[in-house]
C-alpha atoms as a PDB file:
ATOM      1  CA  MET A   1     107.306  44.015  -6.857  1.00  0.00           C
ATOM      2  CA  ASN A   2     104.529  41.516  -7.583  1.00  0.00           C
ATOM      3  CA  THR A   3     101.288  43.487  -8.244  1.00  0.00           C
ATOM      4  CA  SER A   4      99.157  40.456  -7.327  1.00  0.00           C
ATOM      5  CA  PHE A   5     100.726  40.560  -3.856  1.00  0.00           C
ATOM      6  CA  PHE A   6      99.591  44.191  -3.438  1.00  0.00           C
ATOM      7  CA  LYS A   7      96.093  43.317  -4.685  1.00  0.00           C
ATOM      8  CA  ARG A   8      95.778  40.444  -2.235  1.00  0.00           C
ATOM      9  CA  THR A   9      97.107  42.610   0.597  1.00  0.00           C
ATOM     10  CA  PHE A  10      94.736  45.455  -0.271  1.00  0.00           C
ATOM     11  CA  ALA A  11      91.777  43.074  -0.404  1.00  0.00           C
ATOM     12  CA  PHE A  12      92.740  41.615   2.974  1.00  0.00           C
ATOM     13  CA  LEU A  13      93.086  45.049   4.573  1.00  0.00           C
ATOM     14  CA  LEU A  14      89.740  46.117   3.107  1.00  0.00           C
ATOM     15  CA  ILE A  15      88.041  43.096   4.633  1.00  0.00           C
ATOM     16  CA  VAL A  16      89.657  43.824   8.003  1.00  0.00           C
ATOM     17  CA  ALA A  17      88.507  47.437   7.810  1.00  0.00           C
ATOM     18  CA  VAL A  18      84.931  46.430   7.005  1.00  0.00           C
ATOM     19  CA  ILE A  19      84.898  43.918   9.854  1.00  0.00           C
ATOM     20  CA  GLY A  20      86.264  46.578  12.201  1.00  0.00           C
ATOM     21  CA  LEU A  21      83.648  49.090  11.025  1.00  0.00           C
ATOM     22  CA  PHE A  22      80.785  46.755  11.815  1.00  0.00           C
ATOM     23  CA  ALA A  23      82.258  45.070  14.873  1.00  0.00           C
ATOM     24  CA  GLY A  24      79.932  46.995  17.162  1.00  0.00           C
ATOM     25  CA  PHE A  25      76.859  46.362  15.047  1.00  0.00           C
ATOM     26  CA  VAL A  26      74.915  43.274  16.119  1.00  0.00           C
ATOM     27  CA  LEU A  27      71.903  42.043  14.225  1.00  0.00           C
ATOM     28  CA  PRO A  28      68.960  40.842  16.293  1.00  0.00           C
ATOM     29  CA  ALA A  29      69.331  37.206  17.281  1.00  0.00           C
ATOM     30  CA  GLN A  30      67.210  34.774  15.323  1.00  0.00           C
ATOM     31  CA  ALA A  31      65.711  31.476  16.430  1.00  0.00           C
ATOM     32  CA  GLN A  32      66.254  28.463  14.186  1.00  0.00           C
ATOM     33  CA  ASP A  33      62.865  28.901  12.463  1.00  0.00           C
ATOM     34  CA  GLY A  34      63.639  32.544  11.641  1.00  0.00           C
ATOM     35  CA  LYS A  35      61.631  34.088  14.487  1.00  0.00           C
ATOM     36  CA  ALA A  36      63.405  36.631  16.649  1.00  0.00           C
ATOM     37  CA  VAL A  37      64.859  35.758  20.044  1.00  0.00           C
ATOM     38  CA  VAL A  38      63.011  37.942  22.558  1.00  0.00           C
ATOM     39  CA  ARG A  39      64.550  38.776  25.944  1.00  0.00           C
ATOM     40  CA  ILE A  40      61.782  39.214  28.511  1.00  0.00           C
ATOM     41  CA  GLY A  41      62.532  40.836  31.860  1.00  0.00           C
ATOM     42  CA  SER A  42      60.571  41.052  35.075  1.00  0.00           C
ATOM     43  CA  LYS A  43      60.730  42.924  38.337  1.00  0.00           C
ATOM     44  CA  ASP A  44      61.531  41.012  41.501  1.00  0.00           C
ATOM     45  CA  PHE A  45      58.081  40.374  42.982  1.00  0.00           C
ATOM     46  CA  THR A  46      55.422  37.715  42.525  1.00  0.00           C
ATOM     47  CA  GLU A  47      53.003  39.518  40.248  1.00  0.00           C
ATOM     48  CA  ASN A  48      55.664  40.647  37.788  1.00  0.00           C
ATOM     49  CA  TYR A  49      57.148  37.142  37.622  1.00  0.00           C
ATOM     50  CA  ILE A  50      53.709  35.753  36.770  1.00  0.00           C
ATOM     51  CA  LEU A  51      52.994  38.385  34.125  1.00  0.00           C
ATOM     52  CA  ALA A  52      56.395  38.029  32.480  1.00  0.00           C
ATOM     53  CA  GLU A  53      56.009  34.243  32.355  1.00  0.00           C
ATOM     54  CA  ILE A  54      52.543  34.560  30.789  1.00  0.00           C
ATOM     55  CA  TYR A  55      53.965  36.853  28.115  1.00  0.00           C
ATOM     56  CA  ALA A  56      56.841  34.426  27.558  1.00  0.00           C
ATOM     57  CA  LEU A  57      54.492  31.467  27.101  1.00  0.00           C
ATOM     58  CA  ALA A  58      52.314  33.377  24.643  1.00  0.00           C
ATOM     59  CA  LEU A  59      55.288  34.365  22.496  1.00  0.00           C
ATOM     60  CA  GLU A  60      56.822  30.895  22.670  1.00  0.00           C
ATOM     61  CA  ASP A  61      53.495  29.493  21.495  1.00  0.00           C
ATOM     62  CA  ALA A  62      53.784  31.781  18.459  1.00  0.00           C
ATOM     63  CA  GLY A  63      57.250  30.457  17.615  1.00  0.00           C
ATOM     64  CA  PHE A  64      59.513  33.011  19.292  1.00  0.00           C
ATOM     65  CA  GLU A  65      62.545  31.841  21.234  1.00  0.00           C
ATOM     66  CA  ILE A  66      62.479  33.447  24.691  1.00  0.00           C
ATOM     67  CA  GLN A  67      65.323  34.365  26.976  1.00  0.00           C
ATOM     68  CA  ARG A  68      63.995  34.936  30.496  1.00  0.00           C
ATOM     69  CA  GLU A  69      65.781  37.688  32.425  1.00  0.00           C
ATOM     70  CA  PHE A  70      63.527  37.654  35.477  1.00  0.00           C
ATOM     71  CA  GLY A  71      63.988  39.121  38.942  1.00  0.00           C
ATOM     72  CA  LEU A  72      65.520  42.481  38.041  1.00  0.00           C
ATOM     73  CA  ALA A  73      65.376  45.173  40.708  1.00  0.00           C
ATOM     74  CA  SER A  74      62.416  47.480  40.157  1.00  0.00           C
ATOM     75  CA  SER A  75      64.788  50.452  40.122  1.00  0.00           C
ATOM     76  CA  LEU A  76      66.891  48.920  37.331  1.00  0.00           C
ATOM     77  CA  VAL A  77      64.479  47.215  34.939  1.00  0.00           C
ATOM     78  CA  HIS A  78      63.628  50.355  32.957  1.00  0.00           C
ATOM     79  CA  THR A  79      67.341  51.080  32.515  1.00  0.00           C
ATOM     80  CA  ALA A  80      67.898  47.512  31.323  1.00  0.00           C
ATOM     81  CA  LEU A  81      65.260  48.044  28.642  1.00  0.00           C
ATOM     82  CA  VAL A  82      66.674  51.381  27.527  1.00  0.00           C
ATOM     83  CA  ASN A  83      70.201  49.920  27.441  1.00  0.00           C
ATOM     84  CA  ASP A  84      69.134  47.026  25.172  1.00  0.00           C
ATOM     85  CA  GLU A  85      69.729  44.388  27.861  1.00  0.00           C
ATOM     86  CA  ILE A  86      66.128  43.155  27.579  1.00  0.00           C
ATOM     87  CA  ASP A  87      63.426  43.620  24.924  1.00  0.00           C
ATOM     88  CA  LEU A  88      60.255  43.916  26.997  1.00  0.00           C
ATOM     89  CA  TYR A  89      58.827  43.608  30.516  1.00  0.00           C
ATOM     90  CA  PRO A  90      55.522  44.193  32.375  1.00  0.00           C
ATOM     91  CA  GLU A  91      55.207  47.751  33.686  1.00  0.00           C
ATOM     92  CA  TYR A  92      52.565  49.859  35.443  1.00  0.00           C
ATOM     93  CA  THR A  93      51.187  53.086  34.032  1.00  0.00           C
ATOM     94  CA  GLY A  94      51.437  54.942  37.348  1.00  0.00           C
ATOM     95  CA  THR A  95      55.066  53.895  37.750  1.00  0.00           C
ATOM     96  CA  GLY A  96      55.841  55.166  34.281  1.00  0.00           C
ATOM     97  CA  LEU A  97      54.134  58.488  34.947  1.00  0.00           C
ATOM     98  CA  LEU A  98      55.456  59.221  38.437  1.00  0.00           C
ATOM     99  CA  ALA A  99      58.681  57.257  38.944  1.00  0.00           C
ATOM    100  CA  VAL A 100      60.173  57.221  35.445  1.00  0.00           C
ATOM    101  CA  LEU A 101      58.843  60.375  33.785  1.00  0.00           C
ATOM    102  CA  GLN A 102      58.396  62.225  37.102  1.00  0.00           C
ATOM    103  CA  LEU A 103      55.293  63.996  35.818  1.00  0.00           C
ATOM    104  CA  PRO A 104      52.432  65.398  37.939  1.00  0.00           C
ATOM    105  CA  LEU A 105      49.905  63.005  39.409  1.00  0.00           C
ATOM    106  CA  GLU A 106      46.925  62.173  37.203  1.00  0.00           C
ATOM    107  CA  THR A 107      44.069  59.860  38.190  1.00  0.00           C
ATOM    108  CA  ASP A 108      42.330  59.218  34.855  1.00  0.00           C
ATOM    109  CA  PRO A 109      43.570  55.813  33.539  1.00  0.00           C
ATOM    110  CA  GLN A 110      43.320  56.725  29.853  1.00  0.00           C
ATOM    111  CA  LYS A 111      45.096  60.060  30.330  1.00  0.00           C
ATOM    112  CA  VAL A 112      47.895  58.385  32.271  1.00  0.00           C
ATOM    113  CA  TYR A 113      48.298  55.734  29.569  1.00  0.00           C
ATOM    114  CA  ASP A 114      48.227  58.255  26.718  1.00  0.00           C
ATOM    115  CA  THR A 115      50.877  60.344  28.478  1.00  0.00           C
ATOM    116  CA  VAL A 116      53.297  57.506  29.181  1.00  0.00           C
ATOM    117  CA  LYS A 117      52.812  56.016  25.727  1.00  0.00           C
ATOM    118  CA  ALA A 118      53.667  59.293  24.011  1.00  0.00           C
ATOM    119  CA  GLU A 119      56.556  60.259  26.295  1.00  0.00           C
ATOM    120  CA  TYR A 120      58.201  56.824  26.330  1.00  0.00           C
ATOM    121  CA  GLU A 121      58.306  56.731  22.540  1.00  0.00           C
ATOM    122  CA  LYS A 122      59.618  60.284  22.324  1.00  0.00           C
ATOM    123  CA  GLN A 123      62.189  60.062  25.122  1.00  0.00           C
ATOM    124  CA  PHE A 124      63.259  56.416  25.112  1.00  0.00           C
ATOM    125  CA  ASP A 125      62.155  54.883  21.777  1.00  0.00           C
ATOM    126  CA  LEU A 126      59.965  52.456  23.736  1.00  0.00           C
ATOM    127  CA  VAL A 127      56.413  51.327  22.970  1.00  0.00           C
ATOM    128  CA  TRP A 128      53.612  50.750  25.481  1.00  0.00           C
ATOM    129  CA  LEU A 129      51.260  48.023  24.284  1.00  0.00           C
ATOM    130  CA  ASP A 130      47.583  48.044  25.339  1.00  0.00           C
ATOM    131  CA  TYR A 131      47.012  48.292  29.075  1.00  0.00           C
ATOM    132  CA  ALA A 132      45.035  45.730  31.053  1.00  0.00           C
ATOM    133  CA  SER A 133      42.093  46.675  33.235  1.00  0.00           C
ATOM    134  CA  ALA A 134      44.063  45.130  36.118  1.00  0.00           C
ATOM    135  CA  ASN A 135      45.191  47.892  38.479  1.00  0.00           C
ATOM    136  CA  ASP A 136      47.909  47.207  41.041  1.00  0.00           C
ATOM    137  CA  GLY A 137      47.614  50.487  42.886  1.00  0.00           C
ATOM    138  CA  GLN A 138      47.564  51.842  46.407  1.00  0.00           C
ATOM    139  CA  GLY A 139      44.566  51.031  48.574  1.00  0.00           C
ATOM    140  CA  LEU A 140      43.218  50.507  52.063  1.00  0.00           C
ATOM    141  CA  VAL A 141      42.029  47.181  53.414  1.00  0.00           C
ATOM    142  CA  ILE A 142      39.595  46.765  56.311  1.00  0.00           C
ATOM    143  CA  THR A 143      38.450  43.663  58.107  1.00  0.00           C
ATOM    144  CA  THR A 144      35.121  42.583  56.681  1.00  0.00           C
ATOM    145  CA  SER A 145      33.685  42.384  60.184  1.00  0.00           C
ATOM    146  CA  ALA A 146      34.460  46.073  60.796  1.00  0.00           C
ATOM    147  CA  ALA A 147      33.221  47.029  57.333  1.00  0.00           C
ATOM    148  CA  GLU A 148      29.895  45.335  58.030  1.00  0.00           C
ATOM    149  CA  GLU A 149      29.581  46.680  61.558  1.00  0.00           C
ATOM    150  CA  TYR A 150      29.991  50.315  60.479  1.00  0.00           C
ATOM    151  CA  ASP A 151      28.651  49.992  56.910  1.00  0.00           C
ATOM    152  CA  ILE A 152      31.988  50.965  55.336  1.00  0.00           C
ATOM    153  CA  ARG A 153      32.524  50.388  51.604  1.00  0.00           C
ATOM    154  CA  THR A 154      34.449  53.477  50.508  1.00  0.00           C
ATOM    155  CA  ILE A 155      37.275  55.609  51.876  1.00  0.00           C
ATOM    156  CA  SER A 156      34.707  58.362  52.466  1.00  0.00           C
ATOM    157  CA  ASP A 157      32.819  55.933  54.730  1.00  0.00           C
ATOM    158  CA  LEU A 158      36.106  55.070  56.440  1.00  0.00           C
ATOM    159  CA  GLN A 159      36.981  58.697  57.155  1.00  0.00           C
ATOM    160  CA  LYS A 160      33.608  59.267  58.826  1.00  0.00           C
ATOM    161  CA  ASN A 161      34.141  56.245  61.082  1.00  0.00           C
ATOM    162  CA  ALA A 162      37.908  56.523  61.698  1.00  0.00           C
ATOM    163  CA  ASP A 163      37.418  57.322  65.384  1.00  0.00           C
ATOM    164  CA  LYS A 164      36.052  53.801  65.915  1.00  0.00           C
ATOM    165  CA  LEU A 165      38.904  52.023  64.118  1.00  0.00           C
ATOM    166  CA  ARG A 166      42.499  50.995  64.828  1.00  0.00           C
ATOM    167  CA  PHE A 167      44.956  51.744  62.024  1.00  0.00           C
ATOM    168  CA  ALA A 168      47.924  49.451  61.266  1.00  0.00           C
ATOM    169  CA  SER A 169      50.384  51.763  59.527  1.00  0.00           C
ATOM    170  CA  GLN A 170      53.748  50.905  58.025  1.00  0.00           C
ATOM    171  CA  GLY A 171      55.270  54.150  59.260  1.00  0.00           C
ATOM    172  CA  GLU A 172      56.187  55.740  55.951  1.00  0.00           C
ATOM    173  CA  PHE A 173      52.539  55.649  54.872  1.00  0.00           C
ATOM    174  CA  ASP A 174      51.824  58.296  57.517  1.00  0.00           C
ATOM    175  CA  LEU A 175      54.326  60.628  55.834  1.00  0.00           C
ATOM    176  CA  ARG A 176      54.274  59.862  52.104  1.00  0.00           C
ATOM    177  CA  GLU A 177      52.458  62.284  49.821  1.00  0.00           C
ATOM    178  CA  ASP A 178      50.439  59.368  48.437  1.00  0.00           C
ATOM    179  CA  GLY A 179      49.733  58.122  51.971  1.00  0.00           C
ATOM    180  CA  ILE A 180      47.819  59.751  54.814  1.00  0.00           C
ATOM    181  CA  PRO A 181      48.770  63.351  53.809  1.00  0.00           C
ATOM    182  CA  GLY A 182      47.337  62.827  50.323  1.00  0.00           C
ATOM    183  CA  LEU A 183      44.222  61.154  51.666  1.00  0.00           C
ATOM    184  CA  GLU A 184      43.561  63.911  54.183  1.00  0.00           C
ATOM    185  CA  LYS A 185      43.842  66.625  51.540  1.00  0.00           C
ATOM    186  CA  VAL A 186      40.883  65.074  49.761  1.00  0.00           C
ATOM    187  CA  TYR A 187      38.900  63.144  52.379  1.00  0.00           C
ATOM    188  CA  GLY A 188      39.589  65.182  55.518  1.00  0.00           C
ATOM    189  CA  LYS A 189      41.276  64.245  58.780  1.00  0.00           C
ATOM    190  CA  PHE A 190      41.398  60.576  59.838  1.00  0.00           C
ATOM    191  CA  ASN A 191      40.989  60.641  63.620  1.00  0.00           C
ATOM    192  CA  TRP A 192      41.868  57.004  64.299  1.00  0.00           C
ATOM    193  CA  LEU A 193      40.922  55.356  67.564  1.00  0.00           C
ATOM    194  CA  SER A 194      44.586  54.295  67.561  1.00  0.00           C
ATOM    195  CA  SER A 195      47.458  54.091  65.101  1.00  0.00           C
ATOM    196  CA  ARG A 196      50.455  51.804  65.467  1.00  0.00           C
ATOM    197  CA  VAL A 197      53.302  50.955  63.111  1.00  0.00           C
ATOM    198  CA  TYR A 198      53.687  47.327  61.980  1.00  0.00           C
ATOM    199  CA  ASP A 199      55.926  45.610  59.455  1.00  0.00           C
ATOM    200  CA  ASN A 200      54.164  45.431  56.098  1.00  0.00           C
ATOM    201  CA  SER A 201      54.659  41.671  55.859  1.00  0.00           C
ATOM    202  CA  LEU A 202      52.635  41.200  59.061  1.00  0.00           C
ATOM    203  CA  LYS A 203      49.644  43.408  58.291  1.00  0.00           C
ATOM    204  CA  TYR A 204      47.213  40.656  57.293  1.00  0.00           C
ATOM    205  CA  GLU A 205      48.076  38.615  60.380  1.00  0.00           C
ATOM    206  CA  ILE A 206      47.579  41.746  62.505  1.00  0.00           C
ATOM    207  CA  LEU A 207      44.139  42.277  60.977  1.00  0.00           C
ATOM    208  CA  LYS A 208      43.208  38.603  61.202  1.00  0.00           C
ATOM    209  CA  ASN A 209      44.251  38.446  64.864  1.00  0.00           C
ATOM    210  CA  GLY A 210      42.053  41.401  65.773  1.00  0.00           C
ATOM    211  CA  GLU A 211      44.936  43.717  66.674  1.00  0.00           C
ATOM    212  CA  ALA A 212      43.883  46.355  64.111  1.00  0.00           C
ATOM    213  CA  ASP A 213      41.006  47.072  61.740  1.00  0.00           C
ATOM    214  CA  VAL A 214      42.500  48.946  58.768  1.00  0.00           C
ATOM    215  CA  ALA A 215      45.829  48.868  56.912  1.00  0.00           C
ATOM    216  CA  PRO A 216      47.429  50.166  53.706  1.00  0.00           C
ATOM    217  CA  ALA A 217      47.407  47.610  50.892  1.00  0.00           C
ATOM    218  CA  TYR A 218      48.067  47.177  47.203  1.00  0.00           C
ATOM    219  CA  THR A 219      44.992  46.358  45.201  1.00  0.00           C
ATOM    220  CA  THR A 220      46.160  43.015  43.772  1.00  0.00           C
ATOM    221  CA  GLU A 221      47.669  41.422  46.904  1.00  0.00           C
ATOM    222  CA  GLY A 222      46.770  37.756  47.034  1.00  0.00           C
ATOM    223  CA  GLN A 223      45.496  37.977  50.612  1.00  0.00           C
ATOM    224  CA  LEU A 224      42.587  40.093  49.370  1.00  0.00           C
ATOM    225  CA  THR A 225      40.984  36.916  48.056  1.00  0.00           C
ATOM    226  CA  ASP A 226      40.271  36.043  51.708  1.00  0.00           C
ATOM    227  CA  PRO A 227      36.665  37.016  52.551  1.00  0.00           C
ATOM    228  CA  GLN A 228      37.872  38.223  55.956  1.00  0.00           C
ATOM    229  CA  PHE A 229      39.248  41.317  54.184  1.00  0.00           C
ATOM    230  CA  THR A 230      37.530  44.071  52.194  1.00  0.00           C
ATOM    231  CA  LEU A 231      39.334  46.435  49.839  1.00  0.00           C
ATOM    232  CA  LEU A 232      37.847  49.910  50.089  1.00  0.00           C
ATOM    233  CA  GLU A 233      36.861  51.974  47.068  1.00  0.00           C
ATOM    234  CA  ASP A 234      38.876  55.154  46.501  1.00  0.00           C
ATOM    235  CA  ASP A 235      35.654  57.005  45.680  1.00  0.00           C
ATOM    236  CA  LEU A 236      37.263  60.470  45.407  1.00  0.00           C
ATOM    237  CA  TYR A 237      40.162  59.231  43.253  1.00  0.00           C
ATOM    238  CA  VAL A 238      43.207  60.189  45.293  1.00  0.00           C
ATOM    239  CA  TRP A 239      45.503  57.558  43.837  1.00  0.00           C
ATOM    240  CA  PRO A 240      46.796  57.253  40.282  1.00  0.00           C
ATOM    241  CA  PRO A 241      46.055  54.085  38.294  1.00  0.00           C
ATOM    242  CA  TYR A 242      48.709  51.399  37.983  1.00  0.00           C
ATOM    243  CA  ASN A 243      47.383  49.477  35.006  1.00  0.00           C
ATOM    244  CA  ILE A 244      49.536  46.647  33.675  1.00  0.00           C
ATOM    245  CA  ALA A 245      51.052  46.754  30.181  1.00  0.00           C
ATOM    246  CA  PRO A 246      54.073  45.333  28.367  1.00  0.00           C
ATOM    247  CA  VAL A 247      56.693  47.923  27.399  1.00  0.00           C
ATOM    248  CA  VAL A 248      58.734  46.952  24.337  1.00  0.00           C
ATOM    249  CA  ARG A 249      61.782  48.352  22.588  1.00  0.00           C
ATOM    250  CA  LYS A 250      60.471  50.044  19.427  1.00  0.00           C
ATOM    251  CA  SER A 251      63.020  48.365  17.170  1.00  0.00           C
ATOM    252  CA  VAL A 252      61.786  44.967  18.363  1.00  0.00           C
ATOM    253  CA  SER A 253      58.123  45.926  18.037  1.00  0.00           C
ATOM    254  CA  ASP A 254      58.618  47.322  14.539  1.00  0.00           C
ATOM    255  CA  ALA A 255      60.539  44.250  13.378  1.00  0.00           C
ATOM    256  CA  ASN A 256      57.993  41.861  14.937  1.00  0.00           C
ATOM    257  CA  PRO A 257      54.525  43.486  14.781  1.00  0.00           C
ATOM    258  CA  GLU A 258      52.859  40.231  15.798  1.00  0.00           C
ATOM    259  CA  ILE A 259      54.264  40.705  19.327  1.00  0.00           C
ATOM    260  CA  ALA A 260      51.790  43.529  19.933  1.00  0.00           C
ATOM    261  CA  GLU A 261      48.891  41.475  18.585  1.00  0.00           C
ATOM    262  CA  ILE A 262      49.776  38.474  20.754  1.00  0.00           C
ATOM    263  CA  LEU A 263      50.385  40.341  24.018  1.00  0.00           C
ATOM    264  CA  ASN A 264      47.437  42.716  23.577  1.00  0.00           C
ATOM    265  CA  ALA A 265      45.147  39.689  23.299  1.00  0.00           C
ATOM    266  CA  VAL A 266      46.606  38.250  26.513  1.00  0.00           C
ATOM    267  CA  ASN A 267      46.481  41.541  28.422  1.00  0.00           C
ATOM    268  CA  GLU A 268      42.812  41.949  27.527  1.00  0.00           C
ATOM    269  CA  LYS A 269      42.088  38.922  29.744  1.00  0.00           C
ATOM    270  CA  ILE A 270      43.902  40.245  32.837  1.00  0.00           C
ATOM    271  CA  ASP A 271      41.660  42.166  35.222  1.00  0.00           C
ATOM    272  CA  THR A 272      42.235  43.022  38.865  1.00  0.00           C
ATOM    273  CA  ALA A 273      40.365  39.992  40.207  1.00  0.00           C
ATOM    274  CA  THR A 274      42.302  37.662  37.900  1.00  0.00           C
ATOM    275  CA  ILE A 275      45.787  38.858  38.802  1.00  0.00           C
ATOM    276  CA  THR A 276      44.856  38.965  42.498  1.00  0.00           C
ATOM    277  CA  SER A 277      43.788  35.328  42.272  1.00  0.00           C
ATOM    278  CA  LEU A 278      47.024  34.363  40.495  1.00  0.00           C
ATOM    279  CA  ASN A 279      49.078  36.171  43.147  1.00  0.00           C
ATOM    280  CA  ALA A 280      47.194  34.251  45.834  1.00  0.00           C
ATOM    281  CA  LYS A 281      48.094  30.919  44.268  1.00  0.00           C
ATOM    282  CA  VAL A 282      51.791  31.781  44.662  1.00  0.00           C
ATOM    283  CA  ASP A 283      51.879  33.814  47.870  1.00  0.00           C
ATOM    284  CA  ILE A 284      49.238  31.916  49.854  1.00  0.00           C
ATOM    285  CA  ASP A 285      48.938  28.465  48.265  1.00  0.00           C
ATOM    286  CA  LYS A 286      52.722  28.332  47.653  1.00  0.00           C
ATOM    287  CA  GLU A 287      52.476  27.180  44.057  1.00  0.00           C
ATOM    288  CA  GLU A 288      55.360  27.917  41.682  1.00  0.00           C
ATOM    289  CA  TYR A 289      54.816  31.041  39.609  1.00  0.00           C
ATOM    290  CA  GLU A 290      55.699  29.116  36.415  1.00  0.00           C
ATOM    291  CA  ASP A 291      52.878  26.637  37.103  1.00  0.00           C
ATOM    292  CA  VAL A 292      50.401  29.402  37.902  1.00  0.00           C
ATOM    293  CA  ALA A 293      51.271  31.277  34.720  1.00  0.00           C
ATOM    294  CA  ALA A 294      51.035  28.084  32.664  1.00  0.00           C
ATOM    295  CA  GLY A 295      47.629  27.262  34.126  1.00  0.00           C
ATOM    296  CA  PHE A 296      46.301  30.731  33.327  1.00  0.00           C
ATOM    297  CA  TYR A 297      47.699  30.697  29.794  1.00  0.00           C
ATOM    298  CA  ALA A 298      46.196  27.256  29.164  1.00  0.00           C
ATOM    299  CA  SER A 299      42.796  28.603  30.238  1.00  0.00           C
ATOM    300  CA  LEU A 300      42.954  31.157  27.402  1.00  0.00           C
ATOM    301  CA  GLN A 301      43.219  28.494  24.705  1.00  0.00           C
END
């Protein structure tokens, strides 16, 4: 037999074997200028769209090619990150602590951040970048007229005056551990003048129309920019912090250390008042979230 034939055949089979061995191994995608392609995800609500777009613009400005994978269900976005379907997304420290890690409630922002940062790297090989001062947590909103009439600025003040006020609940808030039961463990009983259940989407109209005085809220809802509403201070710290931070796959962060530098600089500029104002531009003024994010990012330059 021709030995050169066997050599060629062996070489061919070796190449096939090598290709088969590495068929499942995919190198990170690269943009044309050599920068990595970064897949940014977002949850499916206004604030997360805005944050993800701001992060995308900042990284694009630095030369990264961005694939936007926005609008993922909140219950699925962490899994998408772990499963290498996206590379980063905006998350909340309280969500990481309670929903993902299922650890005991903690109210100190730095302790919560330190815990999630350590556990995410250990359990999931994910990196939390620096957290923003912006806190999208649970709160209570009162009409400013009622707040002024009864001199109410804190939840302690509210509890003392609950018998004069009408509460617009969303039903589940009366039962959730981080709702009325949690509040009453710390602040005491809330003896409302009345309490009725309303759809969450209607609560600000209910307050504005004088049908109720107090309602549950999240601390960065755009409607809170309206001077008719006052967000009360959780002065006894019932609720955990929900500070905003990008969470990144460690392999991506290690390969592209400038990502942390870029996004940390952006996150430093995002406080509660700022993100509330950006939410208002979309949810109240009906601007496109892309335009709102672009306007904010331009203001940083």
